[in-house]
C-alpha atoms as a PDB file:
ATOM      1  CA  MET A   1     239.933  43.358  87.851  1.00  0.00           C
ATOM      2  CA  THR A   2     240.260  44.834  91.477  1.00  0.00           C
ATOM      3  CA  GLU A   3     240.060  48.168  89.980  1.00  0.00           C
ATOM      4  CA  PHE A   4     237.070  47.654  88.405  1.00  0.00           C
ATOM      5  CA  PHE A   5     234.948  45.890  90.761  1.00  0.00           C
ATOM      6  CA  GLU A   6     236.210  48.730  93.534  1.00  0.00           C
ATOM      7  CA  LYS A   7     234.975  51.444  91.496  1.00  0.00           C
ATOM      8  CA  THR A   8     231.756  49.957  90.225  1.00  0.00           C
ATOM      9  CA  PHE A   9     230.523  48.611  93.137  1.00  0.00           C
ATOM     10  CA  HIS A  10     232.669  50.940  96.104  1.00  0.00           C
ATOM     11  CA  LEU A  11     233.395  47.969  97.709  1.00  0.00           C
ATOM     12  CA  LYS A  12     235.533  49.649 100.335  1.00  0.00           C
ATOM     13  CA  GLN A  13     233.208  52.438 101.365  1.00  0.00           C
ATOM     14  CA  ASN A  14     231.007  49.685 101.618  1.00  0.00           C
ATOM     15  CA  ASN A  15     233.665  48.073 104.163  1.00  0.00           C
ATOM     16  CA  THR A  16     233.821  45.216 102.160  1.00  0.00           C
ATOM     17  CA  ASN A  17     236.036  43.459  99.420  1.00  0.00           C
ATOM     18  CA  ILE A  18     235.672  40.502  96.609  1.00  0.00           C
ATOM     19  CA  LYS A  19     236.317  37.748  99.007  1.00  0.00           C
ATOM     20  CA  THR A  20     233.476  38.721 101.295  1.00  0.00           C
ATOM     21  CA  GLU A  21     230.960  39.715  98.323  1.00  0.00           C
ATOM     22  CA  ILE A  22     231.870  35.951  96.353  1.00  0.00           C
ATOM     23  CA  LEU A  23     231.103  33.996  99.894  1.00  0.00           C
ATOM     24  CA  ALA A  24     228.020  36.006 100.627  1.00  0.00           C
ATOM     25  CA  GLY A  25     226.654  35.638  97.202  1.00  0.00           C
ATOM     26  CA  ILE A  26     227.686  32.124  97.215  1.00  0.00           C
ATOM     27  CA  THR A  27     225.707  31.967 101.121  1.00  0.00           C
ATOM     28  CA  THR A  28     222.779  34.088  99.215  1.00  0.00           C
ATOM     29  CA  PHE A  29     222.074  30.950  96.608  1.00  0.00           C
ATOM     30  CA  MET A  30     222.349  28.214  98.576  1.00  0.00           C
ATOM     31  CA  THR A  31     220.126  29.759 101.145  1.00  0.00           C
ATOM     32  CA  MET A  32     217.530  30.498  98.126  1.00  0.00           C
ATOM     33  CA  ALA A  33     218.573  27.896  95.730  1.00  0.00           C
ATOM     34  CA  TYR A  34     215.076  25.869  96.832  1.00  0.00           C
ATOM     35  CA  ILE A  35     213.305  27.489  94.357  1.00  0.00           C
ATOM     36  CA  LEU A  36     214.845  26.498  91.610  1.00  0.00           C
ATOM     37  CA  ALA A  37     212.648  23.314  93.162  1.00  0.00           C
ATOM     38  CA  VAL A  38     210.196  24.485  94.812  1.00  0.00           C
ATOM     39  CA  ASN A  39     208.515  26.623  91.842  1.00  0.00           C
ATOM     40  CA  PRO A  40     208.072  24.385  89.369  1.00  0.00           C
ATOM     41  CA  THR A  41     206.659  22.228  91.439  1.00  0.00           C
ATOM     42  CA  ILE A  42     204.147  24.775  92.580  1.00  0.00           C
ATOM     43  CA  LEU A  43     203.177  26.181  89.431  1.00  0.00           C
ATOM     44  CA  SER A  44     202.868  22.822  87.285  1.00  0.00           C
ATOM     45  CA  ALA A  45     200.082  22.456  89.443  1.00  0.00           C
ATOM     46  CA  SER A  46     198.385  25.202  87.388  1.00  0.00           C
ATOM     47  CA  GLY A  47     199.377  23.380  83.865  1.00  0.00           C
ATOM     48  CA  MET A  48     202.645  24.437  83.136  1.00  0.00           C
ATOM     49  CA  ASP A  49     205.541  22.917  82.139  1.00  0.00           C
ATOM     50  CA  SER A  50     207.999  22.149  85.176  1.00  0.00           C
ATOM     51  CA  GLY A  51     211.225  21.876  82.635  1.00  0.00           C
ATOM     52  CA  ALA A  52     210.418  25.518  81.343  1.00  0.00           C
ATOM     53  CA  VAL A  53     208.894  27.127  84.496  1.00  0.00           C
ATOM     54  CA  PHE A  54     212.644  25.743  85.491  1.00  0.00           C
ATOM     55  CA  THR A  55     214.629  27.745  83.493  1.00  0.00           C
ATOM     56  CA  ALA A  56     212.151  30.851  83.669  1.00  0.00           C
ATOM     57  CA  THR A  57     213.204  31.355  87.339  1.00  0.00           C
ATOM     58  CA  ALA A  58     216.766  30.821  86.972  1.00  0.00           C
ATOM     59  CA  LEU A  59     216.454  32.941  83.951  1.00  0.00           C
ATOM     60  CA  SER A  60     214.387  35.477  85.493  1.00  0.00           C
ATOM     61  CA  SER A  61     216.392  35.373  89.285  1.00  0.00           C
ATOM     62  CA  CYS A  62     219.696  35.829  87.070  1.00  0.00           C
ATOM     63  CA  PHE A  63     218.523  38.664  85.658  1.00  0.00           C
ATOM     64  CA  ALA A  64     216.587  40.327  88.266  1.00  0.00           C
ATOM     65  CA  THR A  65     219.129  39.935  90.474  1.00  0.00           C
ATOM     66  CA  LEU A  66     221.715  41.510  88.250  1.00  0.00           C
ATOM     67  CA  LEU A  67     219.390  44.544  87.968  1.00  0.00           C
ATOM     68  CA  MET A  68     219.287  44.706  91.501  1.00  0.00           C
ATOM     69  CA  ALA A  69     223.414  45.898  91.018  1.00  0.00           C
ATOM     70  CA  ALA A  70     223.202  47.493  88.702  1.00  0.00           C
ATOM     71  CA  PHE A  71     220.064  49.836  89.585  1.00  0.00           C
ATOM     72  CA  SER A  72     221.357  50.612  92.846  1.00  0.00           C
ATOM     73  CA  ASN A  73     224.501  48.419  94.000  1.00  0.00           C
ATOM     74  CA  TYR A  74     222.985  46.784  96.483  1.00  0.00           C
ATOM     75  CA  PRO A  75     222.988  42.999  97.924  1.00  0.00           C
ATOM     76  CA  PHE A  76     219.648  42.194  97.808  1.00  0.00           C
ATOM     77  CA  ALA A  77     219.187  39.068  95.089  1.00  0.00           C
ATOM     78  CA  LEU A  78     214.736  38.495  93.495  1.00  0.00           C
ATOM     79  CA  ALA A  79     213.656  35.542  92.540  1.00  0.00           C
ATOM     80  CA  PRO A  80     209.853  33.995  92.087  1.00  0.00           C
ATOM     81  CA  GLY A  81     208.506  34.453  95.428  1.00  0.00           C
ATOM     82  CA  MET A  82     206.835  31.976  97.674  1.00  0.00           C
ATOM     83  CA  GLY A  83     202.775  32.872  98.510  1.00  0.00           C
ATOM     84  CA  LEU A  84     202.786  34.362  95.281  1.00  0.00           C
ATOM     85  CA  ASN A  85     203.747  31.296  93.600  1.00  0.00           C
ATOM     86  CA  ALA A  86     201.047  29.515  95.094  1.00  0.00           C
ATOM     87  CA  PHE A  87     198.330  32.139  95.062  1.00  0.00           C
ATOM     88  CA  PHE A  88     199.092  31.910  91.024  1.00  0.00           C
ATOM     89  CA  ALA A  89     198.672  28.500  90.986  1.00  0.00           C
ATOM     90  CA  TYR A  90     196.085  27.219  93.931  1.00  0.00           C
ATOM     91  CA  THR A  91     194.108  30.470  93.986  1.00  0.00           C
ATOM     92  CA  VAL A  92     194.130  31.867  90.593  1.00  0.00           C
ATOM     93  CA  VAL A  93     194.014  29.137  88.324  1.00  0.00           C
ATOM     94  CA  LEU A  94     192.705  26.002  90.147  1.00  0.00           C
ATOM     95  CA  ASN A  95     189.801  27.994  92.528  1.00  0.00           C
ATOM     96  CA  MET A  96     188.903  30.539  90.022  1.00  0.00           C
ATOM     97  CA  GLY A  97     189.242  28.782  87.177  1.00  0.00           C
ATOM     98  CA  TYR A  98     191.384  30.927  84.958  1.00  0.00           C
ATOM     99  CA  SER A  99     193.931  29.497  82.055  1.00  0.00           C
ATOM    100  CA  TRP A 100     197.670  29.957  83.673  1.00  0.00           C
ATOM    101  CA  GLN A 101     198.354  32.385  79.945  1.00  0.00           C
ATOM    102  CA  THR A 102     195.699  34.424  82.108  1.00  0.00           C
ATOM    103  CA  ALA A 103     197.409  34.066  84.737  1.00  0.00           C
ATOM    104  CA  LEU A 104     200.646  35.401  83.212  1.00  0.00           C
ATOM    105  CA  ALA A 105     199.326  37.647  82.028  1.00  0.00           C
ATOM    106  CA  ALA A 106     198.350  39.830  85.280  1.00  0.00           C
ATOM    107  CA  VAL A 107     201.467  39.413  86.488  1.00  0.00           C
ATOM    108  CA  PHE A 108     203.422  41.427  83.664  1.00  0.00           C
ATOM    109  CA  VAL A 109     200.667  44.276  84.043  1.00  0.00           C
ATOM    110  CA  GLU A 110     200.918  44.404  87.281  1.00  0.00           C
ATOM    111  CA  GLY A 111     204.552  44.735  86.620  1.00  0.00           C
ATOM    112  CA  VAL A 112     204.173  47.607  84.234  1.00  0.00           C
ATOM    113  CA  ILE A 113     202.198  49.042  86.881  1.00  0.00           C
ATOM    114  CA  PHE A 114     204.836  48.782  89.411  1.00  0.00           C
ATOM    115  CA  ILE A 115     207.582  50.216  87.220  1.00  0.00           C
ATOM    116  CA  VAL A 116     205.103  53.402  87.017  1.00  0.00           C
ATOM    117  CA  LEU A 117     204.873  53.744  90.580  1.00  0.00           C
ATOM    118  CA  SER A 118     208.641  53.420  91.363  1.00  0.00           C
ATOM    119  CA  LEU A 119     209.292  55.535  88.850  1.00  0.00           C
ATOM    120  CA  THR A 120     206.708  58.665  90.092  1.00  0.00           C
ATOM    121  CA  ASN A 121     208.697  57.654  93.551  1.00  0.00           C
ATOM    122  CA  VAL A 122     204.755  56.169  94.616  1.00  0.00           C
ATOM    123  CA  ARG A 123     206.259  53.199  96.530  1.00  0.00           C
ATOM    124  CA  GLU A 124     209.424  55.098  97.249  1.00  0.00           C
ATOM    125  CA  ALA A 125     206.701  57.137  99.701  1.00  0.00           C
ATOM    126  CA  ILE A 126     204.702  54.410 101.328  1.00  0.00           C
ATOM    127  CA  PHE A 127     208.411  53.157 102.234  1.00  0.00           C
ATOM    128  CA  ASN A 128     209.246  55.946 103.642  1.00  0.00           C
ATOM    129  CA  CYS A 129     205.845  57.261 105.869  1.00  0.00           C
ATOM    130  CA  ILE A 130     206.472  53.831 107.178  1.00  0.00           C
ATOM    131  CA  PRO A 131     207.235  54.328 111.503  1.00  0.00           C
ATOM    132  CA  GLN A 132     211.154  53.418 112.699  1.00  0.00           C
ATOM    133  CA  SER A 133     209.534  52.068 115.777  1.00  0.00           C
ATOM    134  CA  LEU A 134     207.259  49.339 112.799  1.00  0.00           C
ATOM    135  CA  LYS A 135     210.262  48.921 110.403  1.00  0.00           C
ATOM    136  CA  TYR A 136     212.481  46.924 113.308  1.00  0.00           C
ATOM    137  CA  GLY A 137     209.222  45.777 114.261  1.00  0.00           C
ATOM    138  CA  VAL A 138     208.534  44.235 110.648  1.00  0.00           C
ATOM    139  CA  THR A 139     212.485  42.865 111.010  1.00  0.00           C
ATOM    140  CA  CYS A 140     211.781  40.854 113.934  1.00  0.00           C
ATOM    141  CA  GLY A 141     208.842  39.879 112.206  1.00  0.00           C
ATOM    142  CA  ILE A 142     209.965  37.971 109.042  1.00  0.00           C
ATOM    143  CA  GLY A 143     213.128  37.258 110.683  1.00  0.00           C
ATOM    144  CA  LEU A 144     210.445  34.711 113.332  1.00  0.00           C
ATOM    145  CA  PHE A 145     208.351  34.139 110.741  1.00  0.00           C
ATOM    146  CA  ILE A 146     211.117  32.494 108.473  1.00  0.00           C
ATOM    147  CA  THR A 147     212.498  30.392 111.604  1.00  0.00           C
ATOM    148  CA  PHE A 148     208.689  29.012 111.892  1.00  0.00           C
ATOM    149  CA  ILE A 149     209.024  27.477 108.311  1.00  0.00           C
ATOM    150  CA  GLY A 150     212.013  26.265 108.719  1.00  0.00           C
ATOM    151  CA  LEU A 151     211.424  24.251 112.111  1.00  0.00           C
ATOM    152  CA  GLN A 152     208.132  23.449 110.479  1.00  0.00           C
ATOM    153  CA  ASN A 153     209.823  22.288 107.384  1.00  0.00           C
ATOM    154  CA  ALA A 154     212.529  20.548 108.787  1.00  0.00           C
ATOM    155  CA  LYS A 155     210.023  18.423 111.469  1.00  0.00           C
ATOM    156  CA  LEU A 156     211.646  20.157 113.964  1.00  0.00           C
ATOM    157  CA  VAL A 157     208.455  21.419 115.082  1.00  0.00           C
ATOM    158  CA  VAL A 158     205.145  19.547 113.585  1.00  0.00           C
ATOM    159  CA  ASP A 159     201.655  20.023 113.227  1.00  0.00           C
ATOM    160  CA  SER A 160     199.206  20.015 115.903  1.00  0.00           C
ATOM    161  CA  ASP A 161     196.663  22.213 118.005  1.00  0.00           C
ATOM    162  CA  THR A 162     198.828  24.587 118.323  1.00  0.00           C
ATOM    163  CA  LEU A 163     201.892  23.816 115.133  1.00  0.00           C
ATOM    164  CA  VAL A 164     204.425  24.012 118.064  1.00  0.00           C
ATOM    165  CA  ALA A 165     204.520  20.440 118.908  1.00  0.00           C
ATOM    166  CA  ILE A 166     208.192  18.845 118.762  1.00  0.00           C
ATOM    167  CA  PHE A 167     208.631  16.094 116.790  1.00  0.00           C
ATOM    168  CA  PRO A 168     207.593  12.972 118.218  1.00  0.00           C
ATOM    169  CA  PHE A 169     211.065  11.113 118.332  1.00  0.00           C
ATOM    170  CA  LYS A 170     209.725   7.956 120.378  1.00  0.00           C
ATOM    171  CA  GLU A 171     206.711   6.967 118.937  1.00  0.00           C
ATOM    172  CA  ALA A 172     208.797   7.929 114.851  1.00  0.00           C
ATOM    173  CA  ILE A 173     211.223   5.139 116.808  1.00  0.00           C
ATOM    174  CA  LYS A 174     208.104   2.507 117.385  1.00  0.00           C
ATOM    175  CA  ASP A 175     206.708   2.966 113.359  1.00  0.00           C
ATOM    176  CA  GLY A 176     209.973   3.310 111.809  1.00  0.00           C
ATOM    177  CA  SER A 177     209.629   7.449 110.322  1.00  0.00           C
ATOM    178  CA  ILE A 178     212.700   7.995 113.274  1.00  0.00           C
ATOM    179  CA  TYR A 179     215.289   6.799 109.668  1.00  0.00           C
ATOM    180  CA  SER A 180     213.399   9.381 107.461  1.00  0.00           C
ATOM    181  CA  GLN A 181     211.993  12.450 109.458  1.00  0.00           C
ATOM    182  CA  GLY A 182     213.261  11.532 112.410  1.00  0.00           C
ATOM    183  CA  ILE A 183     216.895  12.209 111.310  1.00  0.00           C
ATOM    184  CA  GLY A 184     216.177  15.045 108.903  1.00  0.00           C
ATOM    185  CA  ALA A 185     214.896  16.909 112.255  1.00  0.00           C
ATOM    186  CA  ILE A 186     218.014  15.627 113.754  1.00  0.00           C
ATOM    187  CA  LEU A 187     220.586  17.051 110.692  1.00  0.00           C
ATOM    188  CA  ALA A 188     218.672  20.416 111.097  1.00  0.00           C
ATOM    189  CA  LEU A 189     219.277  21.311 114.868  1.00  0.00           C
ATOM    190  CA  ILE A 190     222.891  19.784 113.877  1.00  0.00           C
ATOM    191  CA  GLY A 191     223.185  22.369 110.988  1.00  0.00           C
ATOM    192  CA  VAL A 192     221.615  24.839 113.400  1.00  0.00           C
ATOM    193  CA  ILE A 193     223.588  24.141 116.420  1.00  0.00           C
ATOM    194  CA  LEU A 194     227.258  23.923 113.679  1.00  0.00           C
ATOM    195  CA  THR A 195     226.052  27.647 111.922  1.00  0.00           C
ATOM    196  CA  VAL A 196     224.985  29.597 115.738  1.00  0.00           C
ATOM    197  CA  VAL A 197     228.687  28.045 116.651  1.00  0.00           C
ATOM    198  CA  LEU A 198     230.500  29.317 113.751  1.00  0.00           C
ATOM    199  CA  LEU A 199     228.987  32.453 114.149  1.00  0.00           C
ATOM    200  CA  VAL A 200     229.662  32.967 117.738  1.00  0.00           C
ATOM    201  CA  LYS A 201     233.042  32.507 116.770  1.00  0.00           C
ATOM    202  CA  ASN A 202     232.813  34.766 114.112  1.00  0.00           C
ATOM    203  CA  VAL A 203     234.109  32.462 111.687  1.00  0.00           C
ATOM    204  CA  PRO A 204     233.787  34.155 108.069  1.00  0.00           C
ATOM    205  CA  GLY A 205     231.302  31.807 105.816  1.00  0.00           C
ATOM    206  CA  ALA A 206     229.593  30.646 108.727  1.00  0.00           C
ATOM    207  CA  ILE A 207     226.626  30.263 107.389  1.00  0.00           C
ATOM    208  CA  LEU A 208     227.818  28.732 104.137  1.00  0.00           C
ATOM    209  CA  ILE A 209     229.902  26.678 105.920  1.00  0.00           C
ATOM    210  CA  GLY A 210     226.431  25.349 108.064  1.00  0.00           C
ATOM    211  CA  ILE A 211     224.725  24.358 104.884  1.00  0.00           C
ATOM    212  CA  VAL A 212     227.842  22.245 103.954  1.00  0.00           C
ATOM    213  CA  GLY A 213     228.391  20.899 106.532  1.00  0.00           C
ATOM    214  CA  THR A 214     225.139  19.647 107.152  1.00  0.00           C
ATOM    215  CA  TRP A 215     224.435  18.028 103.689  1.00  0.00           C
ATOM    216  CA  VAL A 216     228.371  16.303 103.838  1.00  0.00           C
ATOM    217  CA  ILE A 217     226.399  14.723 107.336  1.00  0.00           C
ATOM    218  CA  GLY A 218     223.570  13.822 105.707  1.00  0.00           C
ATOM    219  CA  ILE A 219     225.213  12.444 102.594  1.00  0.00           C
ATOM    220  CA  ILE A 220     227.233  10.042 105.026  1.00  0.00           C
ATOM    221  CA  PHE A 221     223.965   9.488 107.205  1.00  0.00           C
ATOM    222  CA  GLU A 222     222.548   8.057 104.332  1.00  0.00           C
ATOM    223  CA  ILE A 223     225.812   5.558 102.734  1.00  0.00           C
ATOM    224  CA  VAL A 224     225.750   4.042 106.353  1.00  0.00           C
ATOM    225  CA  GLY A 225     221.767   3.365 106.226  1.00  0.00           C
ATOM    226  CA  ILE A 226     221.198   5.805 109.582  1.00  0.00           C
ATOM    227  CA  TYR A 227     219.238   8.171 107.417  1.00  0.00           C
ATOM    228  CA  VAL A 228     216.493   6.286 104.855  1.00  0.00           C
ATOM    229  CA  PRO A 229     214.711   8.570 102.307  1.00  0.00           C
ATOM    230  CA  ASN A 230     211.505   8.404 102.155  1.00  0.00           C
ATOM    231  CA  ALA A 231     209.424  10.177  99.383  1.00  0.00           C
ATOM    232  CA  GLU A 232     205.960   9.676 100.806  1.00  0.00           C
ATOM    233  CA  LEU A 233     206.650  11.010 103.808  1.00  0.00           C
ATOM    234  CA  GLY A 234     208.200  13.989 102.142  1.00  0.00           C
ATOM    235  CA  MET A 235     212.206  13.029 102.749  1.00  0.00           C
ATOM    236  CA  TYR A 236     214.383  12.894  99.762  1.00  0.00           C
ATOM    237  CA  SER A 237     217.853  11.401  98.751  1.00  0.00           C
ATOM    238  CA  VAL A 238     220.581  13.720  99.636  1.00  0.00           C
ATOM    239  CA  LEU A 239     223.006  12.284  97.258  1.00  0.00           C
ATOM    240  CA  PRO A 240     223.692  14.027  94.015  1.00  0.00           C
ATOM    241  CA  ASP A 241     221.969  12.510  91.222  1.00  0.00           C
ATOM    242  CA  PHE A 242     223.960  12.572  87.397  1.00  0.00           C
ATOM    243  CA  SER A 243     221.635   9.644  85.551  1.00  0.00           C
ATOM    244  CA  GLN A 244     220.111  11.716  83.671  1.00  0.00           C
ATOM    245  CA  GLY A 245     222.833  13.437  82.775  1.00  0.00           C
ATOM    246  CA  LEU A 246     223.169  17.705  82.832  1.00  0.00           C
ATOM    247  CA  ALA A 247     221.028  19.065  80.529  1.00  0.00           C
ATOM    248  CA  VAL A 248     219.045  22.690  80.498  1.00  0.00           C
ATOM    249  CA  PRO A 249     214.683  22.544  80.020  1.00  0.00           C
ATOM    250  CA  SER A 250     213.788  24.448  76.686  1.00  0.00           C
ATOM    251  CA  ILE A 251     211.536  27.736  78.049  1.00  0.00           C
ATOM    252  CA  ALA A 252     209.877  27.372  74.876  1.00  0.00           C
ATOM    253  CA  PRO A 253     206.399  26.619  76.491  1.00  0.00           C
ATOM    254  CA  THR A 254     205.871  28.964  78.837  1.00  0.00           C
ATOM    255  CA  LEU A 255     208.207  31.820  76.682  1.00  0.00           C
ATOM    256  CA  PHE A 256     205.394  34.346  75.989  1.00  0.00           C
ATOM    257  CA  LYS A 257     202.641  32.660  76.498  1.00  0.00           C
ATOM    258  CA  MET A 258     200.904  35.773  78.000  1.00  0.00           C
ATOM    259  CA  ASP A 259     196.738  35.278  77.299  1.00  0.00           C
ATOM    260  CA  PHE A 260     195.625  39.314  76.929  1.00  0.00           C
ATOM    261  CA  SER A 261     191.929  38.421  75.865  1.00  0.00           C
ATOM    262  CA  GLY A 262     190.449  39.362  79.187  1.00  0.00           C
ATOM    263  CA  LEU A 263     191.899  42.827  79.984  1.00  0.00           C
ATOM    264  CA  LEU A 264     189.034  45.019  80.757  1.00  0.00           C
ATOM    265  CA  SER A 265     187.437  42.365  82.188  1.00  0.00           C
ATOM    266  CA  PHE A 266     186.621  43.003  85.993  1.00  0.00           C
ATOM    267  CA  ASN A 267     188.153  39.755  87.248  1.00  0.00           C
ATOM    268  CA  PHE A 268     191.385  39.993  85.332  1.00  0.00           C
ATOM    269  CA  ILE A 269     191.795  43.499  87.071  1.00  0.00           C
ATOM    270  CA  THR A 270     191.055  41.655  90.562  1.00  0.00           C
ATOM    271  CA  ILE A 271     193.048  39.742  89.686  1.00  0.00           C
ATOM    272  CA  MET A 272     195.466  41.822  88.528  1.00  0.00           C
ATOM    273  CA  LEU A 273     195.319  44.198  92.064  1.00  0.00           C
ATOM    274  CA  SER A 274     195.682  41.542  94.242  1.00  0.00           C
ATOM    275  CA  PHE A 275     199.066  40.439  92.679  1.00  0.00           C
ATOM    276  CA  LEU A 276     199.918  44.030  92.447  1.00  0.00           C
ATOM    277  CA  PHE A 277     198.745  44.266  96.711  1.00  0.00           C
ATOM    278  CA  VAL A 278     200.839  41.311  97.853  1.00  0.00           C
ATOM    279  CA  ASP A 279     203.514  41.745  95.888  1.00  0.00           C
ATOM    280  CA  LEU A 280     203.995  45.794  97.008  1.00  0.00           C
ATOM    281  CA  PHE A 281     203.846  45.172 101.101  1.00  0.00           C
ATOM    282  CA  ASP A 282     205.934  41.449 100.015  1.00  0.00           C
ATOM    283  CA  THR A 283     208.529  44.160  98.701  1.00  0.00           C
ATOM    284  CA  LEU A 284     208.271  46.688 100.876  1.00  0.00           C
ATOM    285  CA  GLY A 285     208.793  44.497 104.529  1.00  0.00           C
ATOM    286  CA  THR A 286     211.812  42.740 102.623  1.00  0.00           C
ATOM    287  CA  LEU A 287     213.233  45.616 102.002  1.00  0.00           C
ATOM    288  CA  ILE A 288     212.996  47.050 105.330  1.00  0.00           C
ATOM    289  CA  GLY A 289     214.136  43.819 107.041  1.00  0.00           C
ATOM    290  CA  VAL A 290     216.780  43.179 104.891  1.00  0.00           C
ATOM    291  CA  ALA A 291     217.986  46.959 104.620  1.00  0.00           C
ATOM    292  CA  SER A 292     217.973  47.252 108.484  1.00  0.00           C
ATOM    293  CA  LYS A 293     219.840  43.839 109.853  1.00  0.00           C
ATOM    294  CA  ALA A 294     222.436  44.932 107.369  1.00  0.00           C
ATOM    295  CA  ASN A 295     222.659  48.597 108.652  1.00  0.00           C
ATOM    296  CA  MET A 296     221.103  50.747 105.644  1.00  0.00           C
ATOM    297  CA  LEU A 297     218.932  52.506 106.237  1.00  0.00           C
ATOM    298  CA  ASP A 298     219.768  56.541 107.532  1.00  0.00           C
ATOM    299  CA  LYS A 299     219.669  58.320 110.368  1.00  0.00           C
ATOM    300  CA  ASP A 300     215.920  59.273 108.954  1.00  0.00           C
ATOM    301  CA  GLY A 301     215.050  55.132 108.728  1.00  0.00           C
ATOM    302  CA  LYS A 302     214.903  56.088 104.825  1.00  0.00           C
ATOM    303  CA  LEU A 303     216.712  54.011 102.105  1.00  0.00           C
ATOM    304  CA  PRO A 304     219.121  55.473 100.348  1.00  0.00           C
ATOM    305  CA  LYS A 305     218.977  54.499  96.044  1.00  0.00           C
ATOM    306  CA  ILE A 306     215.463  52.850  97.002  1.00  0.00           C
ATOM    307  CA  ARG A 307     213.764  54.220  93.836  1.00  0.00           C
ATOM    308  CA  GLY A 308     216.047  51.170  91.828  1.00  0.00           C
ATOM    309  CA  ALA A 309     215.852  48.746  94.613  1.00  0.00           C
ATOM    310  CA  LEU A 310     212.033  48.965  93.523  1.00  0.00           C
ATOM    311  CA  LEU A 311     212.884  49.715  89.451  1.00  0.00           C
ATOM    312  CA  ALA A 312     214.736  46.319  89.626  1.00  0.00           C
ATOM    313  CA  ASP A 313     211.965  44.572  91.699  1.00  0.00           C
ATOM    314  CA  ALA A 314     209.270  45.991  88.931  1.00  0.00           C
ATOM    315  CA  VAL A 315     211.074  44.584  86.077  1.00  0.00           C
ATOM    316  CA  GLY A 316     211.919  41.519  87.011  1.00  0.00           C
ATOM    317  CA  THR A 317     208.293  41.091  87.906  1.00  0.00           C
ATOM    318  CA  THR A 318     206.972  41.881  84.131  1.00  0.00           C
ATOM    319  CA  ALA A 319     210.823  39.615  83.030  1.00  0.00           C
ATOM    320  CA  GLY A 320     210.052  37.039  85.222  1.00  0.00           C
ATOM    321  CA  ALA A 321     205.832  37.181  83.356  1.00  0.00           C
ATOM    322  CA  MET A 322     207.346  37.232  79.899  1.00  0.00           C
ATOM    323  CA  LEU A 323     209.686  33.932  80.968  1.00  0.00           C
ATOM    324  CA  GLY A 324     206.910  31.886  82.188  1.00  0.00           C
ATOM    325  CA  THR A 325     207.044  32.661  85.427  1.00  0.00           C
ATOM    326  CA  SER A 326     204.868  34.003  88.508  1.00  0.00           C
ATOM    327  CA  THR A 327     206.308  37.101  90.516  1.00  0.00           C
ATOM    328  CA  VAL A 328     209.527  37.750  90.984  1.00  0.00           C
ATOM    329  CA  THR A 329     210.246  39.422  94.317  1.00  0.00           C
ATOM    330  CA  THR A 330     212.866  40.413  96.793  1.00  0.00           C
ATOM    331  CA  PHE A 331     214.434  38.095  98.751  1.00  0.00           C
ATOM    332  CA  VAL A 332     214.431  37.809 102.649  1.00  0.00           C
ATOM    333  CA  GLU A 333     216.880  35.284 102.306  1.00  0.00           C
ATOM    334  CA  SER A 334     219.503  38.434 101.264  1.00  0.00           C
END
């Protein structure tokens, strides 16, 4: 078995081993698993069946990530992209008035065009023409952006005129929200500190330990009553709930439900091009960021085997549309 993995994925050549890859894979899954909950919530606003979207999200993510391994041997995970799903549901369907079936068709056509662009080296040429200094800038920018989003979602940073106000702990104690949002913010801070300490100590699996450790602390806090879930404030229970059993929702409500009736209309082309350009630069920015961080760029700032990575992204998008989800793209959590 070890020889098979070595021959297939060239582990020693990439300075890694099976144990490291398993640990890294679990860590990557933990950091991006939120999409399994968020994507159905967002796309259901367009009228799509949330259970079917959940299954489509899982299947498209698995399929596209396996393609990335097969086409490029890069450890980049893929899933329906944040932002693109919001554009799908709120802009194309709710604001512009198109059906979600038409939006899926636009995503499908975009994916097909991406496949052609990837095979003809157009996307690769765009990647290679970006200056090295800008690639480093993109890496820093993505990191800062994800950090800022994380701080806001953790309620450590809350809404204000500048969106950089610290959570008001004194006011939270007075109005009682300290037991929900306040404790959530404290848990996030504990998790960040724990992870940083483990990283500084070079502990293998530091990020995974930080995630699981914070979750365990959260469970303890909820059991003893320190943390009180409050759905109205967006703070939910951290305890696993198997009261409804385990089941995989049917994908039938979204499978192959694309509507191509308006394929040649100006509005359809406009929507498709919007998906196309957003996905194009979203993918390139992510590849630049993760490849730079992982020291995968060569001396000329190019990413070897980038065609395979871009092709996996494009085919994943096409498959995702057929299954019933918005644009599949490379995740910066990789």
